[in-house]
PDB file of all heavy atoms in Angstrom:
ATOM      1  N   GLY A   1       0.742  -1.214  -0.044  1.00  0.00           N
ATOM      2  CA  GLY A   1      -0.109   0.018  -0.058  1.00  0.00           C
ATOM      3  C   GLY A   1       0.857   1.301   0.004  1.00  0.00           C
ATOM      4  O   GLY A   1       0.509   2.263  -0.648  1.00  0.00           O
ATOM      5  N   GLY A   2       1.875   1.287   0.745  1.00  0.00           N
ATOM      6  CA  GLY A   2       2.785   2.368   0.783  1.00  0.00           C
ATOM      7  C   GLY A   2       3.442   2.688  -0.613  1.00  0.00           C
ATOM      8  O   GLY A   2       3.537   3.872  -1.001  1.00  0.00           O
ATOM      9  N   VAL A   3       3.963   1.661  -1.215  1.00  0.00           N
ATOM     10  CA  VAL A   3       4.500   1.900  -2.569  1.00  0.00           C
ATOM     11  C   VAL A   3       3.450   2.415  -3.583  1.00  0.00           C
ATOM     12  O   VAL A   3       3.689   3.222  -4.422  1.00  0.00           O
ATOM     13  CB  VAL A   3       5.056   0.561  -3.149  1.00  0.00           C
ATOM     14  CG1 VAL A   3       5.454   0.683  -4.607  1.00  0.00           C
ATOM     15  CG2 VAL A   3       6.331   0.138  -2.232  1.00  0.00           C
ATOM     16  N   GLN A   4       2.153   1.843  -3.507  1.00  0.00           N
ATOM     17  CA  GLN A   4       1.087   2.359  -4.278  1.00  0.00           C
ATOM     18  C   GLN A   4       0.881   3.782  -4.103  1.00  0.00           C
ATOM     19  O   GLN A   4       0.681   4.506  -5.094  1.00  0.00           O
ATOM     20  CB  GLN A   4      -0.107   1.490  -4.172  1.00  0.00           C
ATOM     21  CG  GLN A   4       0.026   0.003  -4.662  1.00  0.00           C
ATOM     22  CD  GLN A   4      -1.163  -0.794  -4.330  1.00  0.00           C
ATOM     23  OE1 GLN A   4      -1.962  -0.386  -3.470  1.00  0.00           O
ATOM     24  NE2 GLN A   4      -1.352  -1.868  -5.100  1.00  0.00           N
ATOM     25  N   LEU A   5       0.866   4.216  -2.940  1.00  0.00           N
ATOM     26  CA  LEU A   5       0.526   5.568  -2.560  1.00  0.00           C
ATOM     27  C   LEU A   5       1.726   6.520  -3.054  1.00  0.00           C
ATOM     28  O   LEU A   5       1.524   7.538  -3.561  1.00  0.00           O
ATOM     29  CB  LEU A   5       0.318   5.875  -1.123  1.00  0.00           C
ATOM     30  CG  LEU A   5      -0.945   5.265  -0.552  1.00  0.00           C
ATOM     31  CD1 LEU A   5      -0.983   5.405   1.008  1.00  0.00           C
ATOM     32  CD2 LEU A   5      -2.164   5.886  -1.093  1.00  0.00           C
ATOM     33  N   VAL A   6       2.974   5.996  -2.932  1.00  0.00           N
ATOM     34  CA  VAL A   6       4.114   6.827  -3.454  1.00  0.00           C
ATOM     35  C   VAL A   6       3.959   7.039  -4.962  1.00  0.00           C
ATOM     36  O   VAL A   6       4.075   8.094  -5.570  1.00  0.00           O
ATOM     37  CB  VAL A   6       5.455   6.217  -3.052  1.00  0.00           C
ATOM     38  CG1 VAL A   6       6.580   6.764  -3.870  1.00  0.00           C
ATOM     39  CG2 VAL A   6       5.607   6.317  -1.635  1.00  0.00           C
ATOM     40  N   CYS A   7       3.651   5.926  -5.656  1.00  0.00           N
ATOM     41  CA  CYS A   7       3.589   5.960  -7.062  1.00  0.00           C
ATOM     42  C   CYS A   7       2.405   6.891  -7.478  1.00  0.00           C
ATOM     43  O   CYS A   7       2.571   7.619  -8.507  1.00  0.00           O
ATOM     44  CB  CYS A   7       3.335   4.479  -7.733  1.00  0.00           C
ATOM     45  SG  CYS A   7       4.716   3.347  -7.424  1.00  0.00           S
ATOM     46  N   LEU A   8       1.260   6.816  -6.895  1.00  0.00           N
ATOM     47  CA  LEU A   8       0.103   7.698  -7.224  1.00  0.00           C
ATOM     48  C   LEU A   8       0.613   9.144  -6.889  1.00  0.00           C
ATOM     49  O   LEU A   8       0.110  10.001  -7.633  1.00  0.00           O
ATOM     50  CB  LEU A   8      -0.975   7.226  -6.354  1.00  0.00           C
ATOM     51  CG  LEU A   8      -1.754   6.031  -6.705  1.00  0.00           C
ATOM     52  CD1 LEU A   8      -2.916   5.662  -5.705  1.00  0.00           C
ATOM     53  CD2 LEU A   8      -2.313   6.082  -8.274  1.00  0.00           C
ATOM     54  N   GLY A   9       1.308   9.356  -5.853  1.00  0.00           N
ATOM     55  CA  GLY A   9       1.708  10.818  -5.569  1.00  0.00           C
ATOM     56  C   GLY A   9       2.622  11.300  -6.689  1.00  0.00           C
ATOM     57  O   GLY A   9       2.456  12.466  -7.053  1.00  0.00           O
ATOM     58  N   LEU A  10       3.413  10.501  -7.109  1.00  0.00           N
ATOM     59  CA  LEU A  10       4.360  11.006  -8.281  1.00  0.00           C
ATOM     60  C   LEU A  10       3.621  11.274  -9.439  1.00  0.00           C
ATOM     61  O   LEU A  10       3.778  12.165 -10.120  1.00  0.00           O
ATOM     62  CB  LEU A  10       5.474   9.858  -8.553  1.00  0.00           C
ATOM     63  CG  LEU A  10       6.538   9.626  -7.375  1.00  0.00           C
ATOM     64  CD1 LEU A  10       7.429   8.512  -7.726  1.00  0.00           C
ATOM     65  CD2 LEU A  10       7.374  10.972  -7.108  1.00  0.00           C
ATOM     66  N   LEU A  11       2.679  10.208  -9.854  1.00  0.00           N
ATOM     67  CA  LEU A  11       1.854  10.506 -10.999  1.00  0.00           C
ATOM     68  C   LEU A  11       1.036  11.839 -10.888  1.00  0.00           C
ATOM     69  O   LEU A  11       0.845  12.625 -11.788  1.00  0.00           O
ATOM     70  CB  LEU A  11       0.919   9.324 -11.291  1.00  0.00           C
ATOM     71  CG  LEU A  11       1.590   8.131 -11.673  1.00  0.00           C
ATOM     72  CD1 LEU A  11       0.640   6.860 -11.662  1.00  0.00           C
ATOM     73  CD2 LEU A  11       2.185   8.262 -13.156  1.00  0.00           C
ATOM     74  N   GLY A  12       0.489  11.960  -9.654  1.00  0.00           N
ATOM     75  CA  GLY A  12      -0.326  13.146  -9.354  1.00  0.00           C
ATOM     76  C   GLY A  12       0.443  14.413  -9.577  1.00  0.00           C
ATOM     77  O   GLY A  12      -0.035  15.503 -10.028  1.00  0.00           O
ATOM     78  N   GLU A  13       1.746  14.406  -9.159  1.00  0.00           N
ATOM     79  CA  GLU A  13       2.567  15.577  -9.226  1.00  0.00           C
ATOM     80  C   GLU A  13       2.786  15.991 -10.655  1.00  0.00           C
ATOM     81  O   GLU A  13       2.666  17.203 -11.105  1.00  0.00           O
ATOM     82  CB  GLU A  13       3.887  15.369  -8.527  1.00  0.00           C
ATOM     83  CG  GLU A  13       4.907  16.587  -8.536  1.00  0.00           C
ATOM     84  CD  GLU A  13       4.395  17.733  -7.700  1.00  0.00           C
ATOM     85  OE1 GLU A  13       3.698  17.283  -6.624  1.00  0.00           O
ATOM     86  OE2 GLU A  13       4.617  18.832  -7.931  1.00  0.00           O
ATOM     87  N   TYR A  14       2.989  15.029 -11.530  1.00  0.00           N
ATOM     88  CA  TYR A  14       3.233  15.287 -12.990  1.00  0.00           C
ATOM     89  C   TYR A  14       1.902  15.738 -13.618  1.00  0.00           C
ATOM     90  O   TYR A  14       1.898  16.698 -14.350  1.00  0.00           O
ATOM     91  CB  TYR A  14       3.740  14.144 -13.697  1.00  0.00           C
ATOM     92  CG  TYR A  14       5.280  13.962 -13.513  1.00  0.00           C
ATOM     93  CD1 TYR A  14       5.857  13.201 -12.462  1.00  0.00           C
ATOM     94  CD2 TYR A  14       6.106  14.494 -14.491  1.00  0.00           C
ATOM     95  CE1 TYR A  14       7.160  13.176 -12.354  1.00  0.00           C
ATOM     96  CE2 TYR A  14       7.546  14.449 -14.380  1.00  0.00           C
ATOM     97  CZ  TYR A  14       8.033  13.785 -13.297  1.00  0.00           C
ATOM     98  OH  TYR A  14       9.390  13.617 -13.173  1.00  0.00           O
ATOM     99  N   VAL A  15       0.824  15.056 -13.303  1.00  0.00           N
ATOM    100  CA  VAL A  15      -0.538  15.460 -13.886  1.00  0.00           C
ATOM    101  C   VAL A  15      -0.825  16.827 -13.461  1.00  0.00           C
ATOM    102  O   VAL A  15      -1.418  17.663 -14.185  1.00  0.00           O
ATOM    103  CB  VAL A  15      -1.643  14.406 -13.447  1.00  0.00           C
ATOM    104  CG1 VAL A  15      -2.970  14.938 -13.895  1.00  0.00           C
ATOM    105  CG2 VAL A  15      -1.280  13.081 -14.017  1.00  0.00           C
ATOM    106  N   GLY A  16      -0.568  17.247 -12.138  1.00  0.00           N
ATOM    107  CA  GLY A  16      -0.894  18.613 -11.693  1.00  0.00           C
ATOM    108  C   GLY A  16      -0.036  19.602 -12.420  1.00  0.00           C
ATOM    109  O   GLY A  16      -0.599  20.666 -12.800  1.00  0.00           O
ATOM    110  N   ARG A  17       1.191  19.341 -12.775  1.00  0.00           N
ATOM    111  CA  ARG A  17       1.892  20.191 -13.604  1.00  0.00           C
ATOM    112  C   ARG A  17       1.459  20.357 -14.993  1.00  0.00           C
ATOM    113  O   ARG A  17       1.547  21.476 -15.574  1.00  0.00           O
ATOM    114  CB  ARG A  17       3.452  19.829 -13.457  1.00  0.00           C
ATOM    115  CG  ARG A  17       4.059  20.030 -12.116  1.00  0.00           C
ATOM    116  CD  ARG A  17       5.517  19.470 -12.044  1.00  0.00           C
ATOM    117  NE  ARG A  17       5.879  19.673 -10.696  1.00  0.00           N
ATOM    118  CZ  ARG A  17       6.355  20.767 -10.210  1.00  0.00           C
ATOM    119  NH1 ARG A  17       6.594  21.783 -10.889  1.00  0.00           N
ATOM    120  NH2 ARG A  17       6.893  20.851  -8.832  1.00  0.00           N
ATOM    121  N   ILE A  18       1.019  19.361 -15.564  1.00  0.00           N
ATOM    122  CA  ILE A  18       0.466  19.350 -16.930  1.00  0.00           C
ATOM    123  C   ILE A  18      -0.826  20.184 -16.880  1.00  0.00           C
ATOM    124  O   ILE A  18      -0.998  21.137 -17.716  1.00  0.00           O
ATOM    125  CB  ILE A  18       0.063  17.947 -17.329  1.00  0.00           C
ATOM    126  CG1 ILE A  18       1.463  17.122 -17.605  1.00  0.00           C
ATOM    127  CG2 ILE A  18      -0.705  18.120 -18.615  1.00  0.00           C
ATOM    128  CD1 ILE A  18       1.149  15.681 -17.881  1.00  0.00           C
ATOM    129  N   HIS A  19      -1.614  20.110 -15.828  1.00  0.00           N
ATOM    130  CA  HIS A  19      -2.835  20.825 -15.701  1.00  0.00           C
ATOM    131  C   HIS A  19      -2.495  22.373 -15.473  1.00  0.00           C
ATOM    132  O   HIS A  19      -3.182  23.195 -16.150  1.00  0.00           O
ATOM    133  CB  HIS A  19      -3.627  20.279 -14.437  1.00  0.00           C
ATOM    134  CG  HIS A  19      -4.896  21.299 -14.225  1.00  0.00           C
ATOM    135  ND1 HIS A  19      -5.971  21.192 -14.865  1.00  0.00           N
ATOM    136  CD2 HIS A  19      -5.068  22.031 -13.089  1.00  0.00           C
ATOM    137  CE1 HIS A  19      -6.788  22.063 -14.450  1.00  0.00           C
ATOM    138  NE2 HIS A  19      -6.444  22.563 -13.317  1.00  0.00           N
ATOM    139  N   SER A  20      -1.479  22.629 -14.717  1.00  0.00           N
ATOM    140  CA  SER A  20      -1.117  24.011 -14.524  1.00  0.00           C
ATOM    141  C   SER A  20      -0.592  24.624 -15.838  1.00  0.00           C
ATOM    142  O   SER A  20      -0.849  25.839 -16.112  1.00  0.00           O
ATOM    143  CB  SER A  20      -0.097  24.124 -13.399  1.00  0.00           C
ATOM    144  OG  SER A  20       0.386  25.429 -13.240  1.00  0.00           O
ATOM    145  N   ALA A  21       0.183  23.814 -16.553  1.00  0.00           N
ATOM    146  CA  ALA A  21       0.747  24.384 -17.801  1.00  0.00           C
ATOM    147  C   ALA A  21      -0.321  24.637 -18.795  1.00  0.00           C
ATOM    148  O   ALA A  21      -0.304  25.628 -19.606  1.00  0.00           O
ATOM    149  CB  ALA A  21       1.885  23.486 -18.273  1.00  0.00           C
ATOM    150  N   LEU A  22      -1.371  23.758 -18.938  1.00  0.00           N
ATOM    151  CA  LEU A  22      -2.444  23.984 -19.864  1.00  0.00           C
ATOM    152  C   LEU A  22      -3.304  25.153 -19.493  1.00  0.00           C
ATOM    153  O   LEU A  22      -3.968  25.782 -20.424  1.00  0.00           O
ATOM    154  CB  LEU A  22      -3.285  22.636 -19.881  1.00  0.00           C
ATOM    155  CG  LEU A  22      -2.653  21.410 -20.523  1.00  0.00           C
ATOM    156  CD1 LEU A  22      -3.623  20.252 -20.437  1.00  0.00           C
ATOM    157  CD2 LEU A  22      -2.366  21.665 -21.997  1.00  0.00           C
ATOM    158  N   GLN A  23      -3.396  25.574 -18.184  1.00  0.00           N
ATOM    159  CA  GLN A  23      -4.144  26.769 -17.860  1.00  0.00           C
ATOM    160  C   GLN A  23      -3.444  27.989 -18.413  1.00  0.00           C
ATOM    161  O   GLN A  23      -4.115  29.030 -18.565  1.00  0.00           O
ATOM    162  CB  GLN A  23      -4.324  26.846 -16.331  1.00  0.00           C
ATOM    163  CG  GLN A  23      -5.238  25.741 -15.819  1.00  0.00           C
ATOM    164  CD  GLN A  23      -5.308  25.834 -14.286  1.00  0.00           C
ATOM    165  OE1 GLN A  23      -4.352  26.038 -13.633  1.00  0.00           O
ATOM    166  NE2 GLN A  23      -6.467  25.629 -13.813  1.00  0.00           N
ATOM    167  N   ARG A  24      -2.085  27.928 -18.618  1.00  0.00           N
ATOM    168  CA  ARG A  24      -1.339  29.089 -19.125  1.00  0.00           C
ATOM    169  C   ARG A  24      -1.526  30.430 -18.256  1.00  0.00           C
ATOM    170  O   ARG A  24      -1.640  31.513 -18.795  1.00  0.00           O
ATOM    171  CB  ARG A  24      -1.650  29.385 -20.597  1.00  0.00           C
ATOM    172  CG  ARG A  24      -1.395  28.172 -21.508  1.00  0.00           C
ATOM    173  CD  ARG A  24      -1.693  28.359 -22.878  1.00  0.00           C
ATOM    174  NE  ARG A  24      -0.691  29.409 -23.347  1.00  0.00           N
ATOM    175  CZ  ARG A  24       0.525  29.106 -23.749  1.00  0.00           C
ATOM    176  NH1 ARG A  24       0.978  27.835 -23.859  1.00  0.00           N
ATOM    177  NH2 ARG A  24       1.311  30.153 -24.191  1.00  0.00           N
ATOM    178  N   ARG A  25      -1.624  30.397 -17.024  1.00  0.00           N
ATOM    179  CA  ARG A  25      -1.860  31.527 -16.154  1.00  0.00           C
ATOM    180  C   ARG A  25      -0.534  32.108 -16.067  1.00  0.00           C
ATOM    181  O   ARG A  25       0.591  31.410 -15.896  1.00  0.00           O
ATOM    182  CB  ARG A  25      -2.378  31.033 -14.774  1.00  0.00           C
ATOM    183  CG  ARG A  25      -3.812  30.582 -14.805  1.00  0.00           C
ATOM    184  CD  ARG A  25      -4.175  30.066 -13.451  1.00  0.00           C
ATOM    185  NE  ARG A  25      -5.653  29.644 -13.387  1.00  0.00           N
ATOM    186  CZ  ARG A  25      -6.140  28.954 -12.445  1.00  0.00           C
ATOM    187  NH1 ARG A  25      -5.470  28.761 -11.289  1.00  0.00           N
ATOM    188  NH2 ARG A  25      -7.403  28.633 -12.582  1.00  0.00           N
ATOM    189  N   PRO A  26      -0.462  33.487 -15.996  1.00  0.00           N
ATOM    190  CA  PRO A  26       0.852  34.142 -15.875  1.00  0.00           C
ATOM    191  C   PRO A  26       1.589  33.834 -14.554  1.00  0.00           C
ATOM    192  O   PRO A  26       0.843  33.708 -13.480  1.00  0.00           O
ATOM    193  CB  PRO A  26       0.528  35.634 -16.011  1.00  0.00           C
ATOM    194  CG  PRO A  26      -0.849  35.636 -16.687  1.00  0.00           C
ATOM    195  CD  PRO A  26      -1.504  34.335 -16.238  1.00  0.00           C
ATOM    196  N   ALA A  27       2.831  33.709 -14.551  1.00  0.00           N
ATOM    197  CA  ALA A  27       3.511  33.439 -13.271  1.00  0.00           C
ATOM    198  C   ALA A  27       3.678  34.703 -12.469  1.00  0.00           C
ATOM    199  O   ALA A  27       3.977  34.511 -11.256  1.00  0.00           O
ATOM    200  CB  ALA A  27       4.981  32.898 -13.522  1.00  0.00           C
ATOM    201  N   TYR A  28       3.489  35.869 -12.972  1.00  0.00           N
ATOM    202  CA  TYR A  28       3.575  37.110 -12.265  1.00  0.00           C
ATOM    203  C   TYR A  28       2.798  38.140 -12.881  1.00  0.00           C
ATOM    204  O   TYR A  28       2.372  38.089 -14.108  1.00  0.00           O
ATOM    205  CB  TYR A  28       5.043  37.626 -12.063  1.00  0.00           C
ATOM    206  CG  TYR A  28       5.786  37.801 -13.502  1.00  0.00           C
ATOM    207  CD1 TYR A  28       5.677  38.987 -14.203  1.00  0.00           C
ATOM    208  CD2 TYR A  28       6.422  36.745 -14.102  1.00  0.00           C
ATOM    209  CE1 TYR A  28       6.157  39.149 -15.354  1.00  0.00           C
ATOM    210  CE2 TYR A  28       7.018  36.932 -15.314  1.00  0.00           C
ATOM    211  CZ  TYR A  28       6.953  38.132 -16.006  1.00  0.00           C
ATOM    212  OH  TYR A  28       7.472  38.358 -17.236  1.00  0.00           O
ATOM    213  N   PHE A  29       2.467  39.206 -12.124  1.00  0.00           N
ATOM    214  CA  PHE A  29       1.735  40.356 -12.634  1.00  0.00           C
ATOM    215  C   PHE A  29       2.436  41.615 -12.293  1.00  0.00           C
ATOM    216  O   PHE A  29       2.860  41.816 -11.079  1.00  0.00           O
ATOM    217  CB  PHE A  29       0.372  40.469 -12.086  1.00  0.00           C
ATOM    218  CG  PHE A  29      -0.556  39.280 -12.384  1.00  0.00           C
ATOM    219  CD1 PHE A  29      -0.671  38.274 -11.508  1.00  0.00           C
ATOM    220  CD2 PHE A  29      -1.371  39.344 -13.508  1.00  0.00           C
ATOM    221  CE1 PHE A  29      -1.547  37.142 -11.791  1.00  0.00           C
ATOM    222  CE2 PHE A  29      -2.064  38.185 -13.807  1.00  0.00           C
ATOM    223  CZ  PHE A  29      -2.193  37.123 -13.017  1.00  0.00           C
ATOM    224  N   ILE A  30       2.783  42.500 -13.291  1.00  0.00           N
ATOM    225  CA  ILE A  30       3.604  43.716 -13.038  1.00  0.00           C
ATOM    226  C   ILE A  30       2.680  44.854 -12.709  1.00  0.00           C
ATOM    227  O   ILE A  30       1.764  45.229 -13.454  1.00  0.00           O
ATOM    228  CB  ILE A  30       4.405  44.021 -14.272  1.00  0.00           C
ATOM    229  CG1 ILE A  30       5.462  43.012 -14.572  1.00  0.00           C
ATOM    230  CG2 ILE A  30       5.034  45.375 -14.141  1.00  0.00           C
ATOM    231  CD1 ILE A  30       6.290  43.240 -15.852  1.00  0.00           C
ATOM    232  N   ALA A  31       2.962  45.391 -11.583  1.00  0.00           N
ATOM    233  CA  ALA A  31       2.184  46.585 -11.068  1.00  0.00           C
ATOM    234  C   ALA A  31       2.631  47.828 -11.830  1.00  0.00           C
ATOM    235  O   ALA A  31       1.860  48.685 -12.290  1.00  0.00           O
ATOM    236  CB  ALA A  31       2.241  46.824  -9.564  1.00  0.00           C
ATOM    237  N   TYR A  32       3.897  48.015 -11.913  1.00  0.00           N
ATOM    238  CA  TYR A  32       4.566  49.180 -12.647  1.00  0.00           C
ATOM    239  C   TYR A  32       5.890  48.876 -13.062  1.00  0.00           C
ATOM    240  O   TYR A  32       6.653  48.030 -12.447  1.00  0.00           O
ATOM    241  CB  TYR A  32       4.370  50.424 -11.940  1.00  0.00           C
ATOM    242  CG  TYR A  32       5.051  50.534 -10.551  1.00  0.00           C
ATOM    243  CD1 TYR A  32       6.501  50.680 -10.482  1.00  0.00           C
ATOM    244  CD2 TYR A  32       4.362  50.456  -9.429  1.00  0.00           C
ATOM    245  CE1 TYR A  32       7.106  50.703  -9.245  1.00  0.00           C
ATOM    246  CE2 TYR A  32       4.994  50.506  -8.122  1.00  0.00           C
ATOM    247  CZ  TYR A  32       6.414  50.649  -8.108  1.00  0.00           C
ATOM    248  OH  TYR A  32       7.086  50.656  -6.891  1.00  0.00           O
ATOM    249  N   ASP A  33       6.420  49.507 -14.116  1.00  0.00           N
ATOM    250  CA  ASP A  33       7.769  49.508 -14.575  1.00  0.00           C
ATOM    251  C   ASP A  33       8.129  50.948 -14.841  1.00  0.00           C
ATOM    252  O   ASP A  33       7.482  51.700 -15.565  1.00  0.00           O
ATOM    253  CB  ASP A  33       7.914  48.751 -15.827  1.00  0.00           C
ATOM    254  CG  ASP A  33       9.321  48.642 -16.377  1.00  0.00           C
ATOM    255  OD1 ASP A  33      10.146  49.307 -15.787  1.00  0.00           O
ATOM    256  OD2 ASP A  33       9.600  47.853 -17.338  1.00  0.00           O
ATOM    257  N   THR A  34       9.194  51.555 -14.101  1.00  0.00           N
ATOM    258  CA  THR A  34       9.492  52.929 -14.192  1.00  0.00           C
ATOM    259  C   THR A  34      10.019  53.269 -15.543  1.00  0.00           C
ATOM    260  O   THR A  34      10.244  54.468 -15.926  1.00  0.00           O
ATOM    261  CB  THR A  34      10.484  53.325 -13.178  1.00  0.00           C
ATOM    262  OG1 THR A  34      11.680  52.377 -13.275  1.00  0.00           O
ATOM    263  CG2 THR A  34       9.921  53.125 -11.673  1.00  0.00           C
ATOM    264  N   ALA A  35      10.397  52.322 -16.365  1.00  0.00           N
ATOM    265  CA  ALA A  35      10.906  52.581 -17.808  1.00  0.00           C
ATOM    266  C   ALA A  35       9.701  52.523 -18.780  1.00  0.00           C
ATOM    267  O   ALA A  35       9.972  52.696 -19.999  1.00  0.00           O
ATOM    268  CB  ALA A  35      11.984  51.626 -18.111  1.00  0.00           C
ATOM    269  N   ASP A  36       8.509  52.198 -18.277  1.00  0.00           N
ATOM    270  CA  ASP A  36       7.437  52.068 -19.294  1.00  0.00           C
ATOM    271  C   ASP A  36       6.886  53.442 -19.617  1.00  0.00           C
ATOM    272  O   ASP A  36       6.470  54.229 -18.809  1.00  0.00           O
ATOM    273  CB  ASP A  36       6.292  51.278 -18.554  1.00  0.00           C
ATOM    274  CG  ASP A  36       5.102  50.962 -19.522  1.00  0.00           C
ATOM    275  OD1 ASP A  36       5.224  51.379 -20.732  1.00  0.00           O
ATOM    276  OD2 ASP A  36       4.186  50.356 -19.151  1.00  0.00           O
ATOM    277  N   PRO A  37       6.983  53.728 -21.024  1.00  0.00           N
ATOM    278  CA  PRO A  37       6.567  55.103 -21.421  1.00  0.00           C
ATOM    279  C   PRO A  37       5.073  55.384 -21.032  1.00  0.00           C
ATOM    280  O   PRO A  37       4.618  56.475 -20.745  1.00  0.00           O
ATOM    281  CB  PRO A  37       6.570  55.139 -22.960  1.00  0.00           C
ATOM    282  CG  PRO A  37       7.677  54.003 -23.177  1.00  0.00           C
ATOM    283  CD  PRO A  37       7.461  52.964 -22.166  1.00  0.00           C
ATOM    284  N   ALA A  38       4.180  54.285 -20.951  1.00  0.00           N
ATOM    285  CA  ALA A  38       2.793  54.484 -20.574  1.00  0.00           C
ATOM    286  C   ALA A  38       2.604  54.947 -19.143  1.00  0.00           C
ATOM    287  O   ALA A  38       1.628  55.564 -18.807  1.00  0.00           O
ATOM    288  CB  ALA A  38       2.031  53.201 -20.817  1.00  0.00           C
ATOM    289  N   GLY A  39       3.540  54.750 -18.323  1.00  0.00           N
ATOM    290  CA  GLY A  39       3.507  55.042 -16.881  1.00  0.00           C
ATOM    291  C   GLY A  39       4.818  55.806 -16.530  1.00  0.00           C
ATOM    292  O   GLY A  39       5.548  55.498 -15.716  1.00  0.00           O
ATOM    293  N   ALA A  40       5.045  56.896 -17.377  1.00  0.00           N
ATOM    294  CA  ALA A  40       6.368  57.627 -17.145  1.00  0.00           C
ATOM    295  C   ALA A  40       6.392  58.296 -15.806  1.00  0.00           C
ATOM    296  O   ALA A  40       7.561  58.537 -15.285  1.00  0.00           O
ATOM    297  CB  ALA A  40       6.451  58.692 -18.317  1.00  0.00           C
ATOM    298  N   SER A  41       5.244  58.715 -15.282  1.00  0.00           N
ATOM    299  CA  SER A  41       5.316  59.395 -13.952  1.00  0.00           C
ATOM    300  C   SER A  41       5.781  58.377 -12.802  1.00  0.00           C
ATOM    301  O   SER A  41       5.501  57.176 -13.015  1.00  0.00           O
ATOM    302  CB  SER A  41       3.980  60.015 -13.573  1.00  0.00           C
ATOM    303  OG  SER A  41       3.050  58.960 -13.519  1.00  0.00           O
ATOM    304  N   THR A  42       6.446  58.868 -11.893  1.00  0.00           N
ATOM    305  CA  THR A  42       6.881  58.005 -10.788  1.00  0.00           C
ATOM    306  C   THR A  42       5.668  57.445 -10.037  1.00  0.00           C
ATOM    307  O   THR A  42       4.868  58.148  -9.537  1.00  0.00           O
ATOM    308  CB  THR A  42       7.681  58.856  -9.799  1.00  0.00           C
ATOM    309  OG1 THR A  42       8.902  59.369 -10.403  1.00  0.00           O
ATOM    310  CG2 THR A  42       8.256  57.933  -8.679  1.00  0.00           C
ATOM    311  N   PRO A  43       5.621  56.143  -9.964  1.00  0.00           N
ATOM    312  CA  PRO A  43       4.478  55.429  -9.158  1.00  0.00           C
ATOM    313  C   PRO A  43       4.431  55.963  -7.772  1.00  0.00           C
ATOM    314  O   PRO A  43       5.500  56.236  -7.119  1.00  0.00           O
ATOM    315  CB  PRO A  43       4.751  54.036  -9.343  1.00  0.00           C
ATOM    316  CG  PRO A  43       5.859  53.811 -10.374  1.00  0.00           C
ATOM    317  CD  PRO A  43       6.574  55.066 -10.303  1.00  0.00           C
ATOM    318  N   THR A  44       3.311  55.967  -7.271  1.00  0.00           N
ATOM    319  CA  THR A  44       3.062  56.328  -5.833  1.00  0.00           C
ATOM    320  C   THR A  44       2.795  55.095  -4.993  1.00  0.00           C
ATOM    321  O   THR A  44       1.998  54.265  -5.249  1.00  0.00           O
ATOM    322  CB  THR A  44       1.874  57.236  -5.595  1.00  0.00           C
ATOM    323  OG1 THR A  44       2.095  58.437  -6.363  1.00  0.00           O
ATOM    324  CG2 THR A  44       1.716  57.598  -4.144  1.00  0.00           C
ATOM    325  N   VAL A  45       3.732  54.769  -4.131  1.00  0.00           N
ATOM    326  CA  VAL A  45       3.649  53.622  -3.236  1.00  0.00           C
ATOM    327  C   VAL A  45       3.227  54.170  -1.861  1.00  0.00           C
ATOM    328  O   VAL A  45       3.979  54.909  -1.245  1.00  0.00           O
ATOM    329  CB  VAL A  45       4.934  52.855  -3.177  1.00  0.00           C
ATOM    330  CG1 VAL A  45       4.825  51.607  -2.244  1.00  0.00           C
ATOM    331  CG2 VAL A  45       5.316  52.384  -4.566  1.00  0.00           C
TER     332      VAL A  45
END
C-alpha cells in the first residue's frame, strides 16, 4: 500500500503540472515599470 501511494503521488505531481501548464496562467503580474512610457510618472507607493 505504501508503494502504491508513493507511485500515485508521483503521477499526481506530474498530472498537476500538466494541468497548470495547460491553464497558461501568468507566473507574475507587473504593477508598474518605471521605464514604461505609458507610466512615465513616478508610481506612488
